[in-house]
Structures are given as C-alpha cells and as structure tokens.
C-alpha atoms as a PDB file:
ATOM      1  CA  UNK A   1     -19.033  -6.238   1.624  1.00  0.00           C
ATOM      2  CA  UNK A   2     -17.741  -2.998   0.094  1.00  0.00           C
ATOM      3  CA  UNK A   3     -21.176  -1.459   0.550  1.00  0.00           C
ATOM      4  CA  UNK A   4     -21.185  -2.378   4.252  1.00  0.00           C
ATOM      5  CA  UNK A   5     -17.689  -0.918   4.742  1.00  0.00           C
ATOM      6  CA  UNK A   6     -18.701   2.283   2.962  1.00  0.00           C
ATOM      7  CA  UNK A   7     -21.809   2.647   5.140  1.00  0.00           C
ATOM      8  CA  UNK A   8     -19.945   1.918   8.384  1.00  0.00           C
ATOM      9  CA  UNK A   9     -17.155   4.347   7.422  1.00  0.00           C
ATOM     10  CA  UNK A  10     -19.727   7.110   6.997  1.00  0.00           C
ATOM     11  CA  UNK A  11     -21.012   6.814  10.578  1.00  0.00           C
ATOM     12  CA  UNK A  12     -20.115   9.437  13.159  1.00  0.00           C
ATOM     13  CA  UNK A  13     -18.231   7.603  15.889  1.00  0.00           C
ATOM     14  CA  UNK A  14     -18.517   8.512  19.572  1.00  0.00           C
ATOM     15  CA  UNK A  15     -15.571   7.098  21.578  1.00  0.00           C
ATOM     16  CA  UNK A  16     -15.510   4.075  19.264  1.00  0.00           C
ATOM     17  CA  UNK A  17     -12.739   2.552  17.191  1.00  0.00           C
ATOM     18  CA  UNK A  18     -13.051   0.521  13.997  1.00  0.00           C
ATOM     19  CA  UNK A  19     -10.719  -1.854  12.233  1.00  0.00           C
ATOM     20  CA  UNK A  20     -11.595  -3.472   8.909  1.00  0.00           C
ATOM     21  CA  UNK A  21      -9.882  -6.835   8.950  1.00  0.00           C
ATOM     22  CA  UNK A  22      -9.701  -9.691   6.496  1.00  0.00           C
ATOM     23  CA  UNK A  23     -12.428 -11.637   8.309  1.00  0.00           C
ATOM     24  CA  UNK A  24     -14.637  -8.886   9.608  1.00  0.00           C
ATOM     25  CA  UNK A  25     -15.125  -5.481  11.102  1.00  0.00           C
ATOM     26  CA  UNK A  26     -13.749  -5.099  14.609  1.00  0.00           C
ATOM     27  CA  UNK A  27     -15.692  -2.525  16.579  1.00  0.00           C
ATOM     28  CA  UNK A  28     -14.408  -1.303  19.905  1.00  0.00           C
ATOM     29  CA  UNK A  29     -16.120   0.789  22.535  1.00  0.00           C
ATOM     30  CA  UNK A  30     -13.894   2.899  24.776  1.00  0.00           C
ATOM     31  CA  UNK A  31     -16.501   3.446  27.504  1.00  0.00           C
ATOM     32  CA  UNK A  32     -19.574   1.388  28.396  1.00  0.00           C
ATOM     33  CA  UNK A  33     -21.180   4.411  30.056  1.00  0.00           C
ATOM     34  CA  UNK A  34     -22.255   5.940  26.739  1.00  0.00           C
ATOM     35  CA  UNK A  35     -23.189   2.779  24.818  1.00  0.00           C
ATOM     36  CA  UNK A  36     -26.619   4.119  23.824  1.00  0.00           C
ATOM     37  CA  UNK A  37     -24.930   7.068  22.077  1.00  0.00           C
ATOM     38  CA  UNK A  38     -22.679   4.957  19.858  1.00  0.00           C
ATOM     39  CA  UNK A  39     -22.950   4.799  16.086  1.00  0.00           C
ATOM     40  CA  UNK A  40     -23.363   1.046  16.454  1.00  0.00           C
ATOM     41  CA  UNK A  41     -26.370   1.405  18.737  1.00  0.00           C
ATOM     42  CA  UNK A  42     -27.943   4.435  17.028  1.00  0.00           C
ATOM     43  CA  UNK A  43     -27.326   3.589  13.359  1.00  0.00           C
ATOM     44  CA  UNK A  44     -25.984   0.139  12.569  1.00  0.00           C
ATOM     45  CA  UNK A  45     -28.847  -1.724  14.235  1.00  0.00           C
ATOM     46  CA  UNK A  46     -31.285   0.073  11.920  1.00  0.00           C
ATOM     47  CA  UNK A  47     -29.507  -0.584   8.631  1.00  0.00           C
ATOM     48  CA  UNK A  48     -31.047  -3.053   6.162  1.00  0.00           C
ATOM     49  CA  UNK A  49     -27.994  -5.336   6.032  1.00  0.00           C
ATOM     50  CA  UNK A  50     -27.898  -5.753   9.838  1.00  0.00           C
ATOM     51  CA  UNK A  51     -30.055  -8.888   9.639  1.00  0.00           C
ATOM     52  CA  UNK A  52     -27.504 -10.494   7.320  1.00  0.00           C
ATOM     53  CA  UNK A  53     -24.472 -10.072   9.557  1.00  0.00           C
ATOM     54  CA  UNK A  54     -23.413 -11.692  12.787  1.00  0.00           C
ATOM     55  CA  UNK A  55     -22.030  -9.900  15.814  1.00  0.00           C
ATOM     56  CA  UNK A  56     -19.627 -11.701  18.142  1.00  0.00           C
ATOM     57  CA  UNK A  57     -17.599 -10.513  21.092  1.00  0.00           C
ATOM     58  CA  UNK A  58     -13.819 -10.914  21.205  1.00  0.00           C
ATOM     59  CA  UNK A  59     -13.908 -14.109  23.283  1.00  0.00           C
ATOM     60  CA  UNK A  60     -16.272 -15.865  20.878  1.00  0.00           C
ATOM     61  CA  UNK A  61     -14.265 -14.679  17.881  1.00  0.00           C
ATOM     62  CA  UNK A  62     -11.061 -16.051  19.446  1.00  0.00           C
ATOM     63  CA  UNK A  63     -12.708 -19.417  20.201  1.00  0.00           C
ATOM     64  CA  UNK A  64     -14.026 -19.737  16.644  1.00  0.00           C
ATOM     65  CA  UNK A  65     -10.566 -18.874  15.265  1.00  0.00           C
ATOM     66  CA  UNK A  66      -8.912 -21.402  17.576  1.00  0.00           C
ATOM     67  CA  UNK A  67     -11.414 -24.080  16.544  1.00  0.00           C
ATOM     68  CA  UNK A  68     -10.908 -23.399  12.836  1.00  0.00           C
ATOM     69  CA  UNK A  69      -7.121 -23.344  13.150  1.00  0.00           C
ATOM     70  CA  UNK A  70      -6.970 -26.676  14.963  1.00  0.00           C
ATOM     71  CA  UNK A  71      -9.651 -28.388  12.897  1.00  0.00           C
ATOM     72  CA  UNK A  72      -8.660 -27.083   9.452  1.00  0.00           C
ATOM     73  CA  UNK A  73      -7.637 -30.501   8.107  1.00  0.00           C
ATOM     74  CA  UNK A  74     -10.958 -32.062   9.162  1.00  0.00           C
ATOM     75  CA  UNK A  75     -12.915 -29.141   7.695  1.00  0.00           C
ATOM     76  CA  UNK A  76     -10.969 -29.327   4.413  1.00  0.00           C
ATOM     77  CA  UNK A  77     -11.623 -33.096   4.181  1.00  0.00           C
ATOM     78  CA  UNK A  78     -15.351 -32.546   4.820  1.00  0.00           C
ATOM     79  CA  UNK A  79     -15.511 -29.933   2.068  1.00  0.00           C
ATOM     80  CA  UNK A  80     -13.667 -32.194  -0.381  1.00  0.00           C
ATOM     81  CA  UNK A  81     -15.904 -35.181   0.351  1.00  0.00           C
ATOM     82  CA  UNK A  82     -19.076 -33.066  -0.034  1.00  0.00           C
ATOM     83  CA  UNK A  83     -17.882 -31.771  -3.407  1.00  0.00           C
ATOM     84  CA  UNK A  84     -17.195 -35.230  -4.829  1.00  0.00           C
END
C-alpha cells in the first residue's frame, strides 16, 4: 500500500483533491469538464497496480460501509466459524 500511496502522491493533479484514509484513497474531481486531463485518467489507469485495486463512487462506498457496520456481528461470526 505504501508503494501505491507514494506513486499517487507523485502525480501532478489538475483540479483534483486526494485524501489518504484508513480504508482507501479518496479521489475527488472538482470539474467534470476536464476529466480526460486528470492524473487519474492520464496516469493511474496505466499503472501496473491498477488491476489489483477497486474503484467505487461515494454512494457505493457509503452503502458498503453501512452494510458492514450493521452486519458486523454476522460477519465476525462467519469468520470465527470458518477458522474453527
């Protein structure tokens, strides 16, 4: 993960904002008009690790977080039973 962060930090951003969070990299675009000029579009898509990551929009991320928060006990029990 450190290698990915280092690579992403080295990109020249064009009206983009980045936040490195605990669970992922949050990438924001300030204007849709220049999407094809973004570091994400021009550089990230071409990097070797791109195939090993997943990209989700904010709505999907929120839904996954909501699901995990409300189903944590069930998930924990599944993990425990699989490890026994």
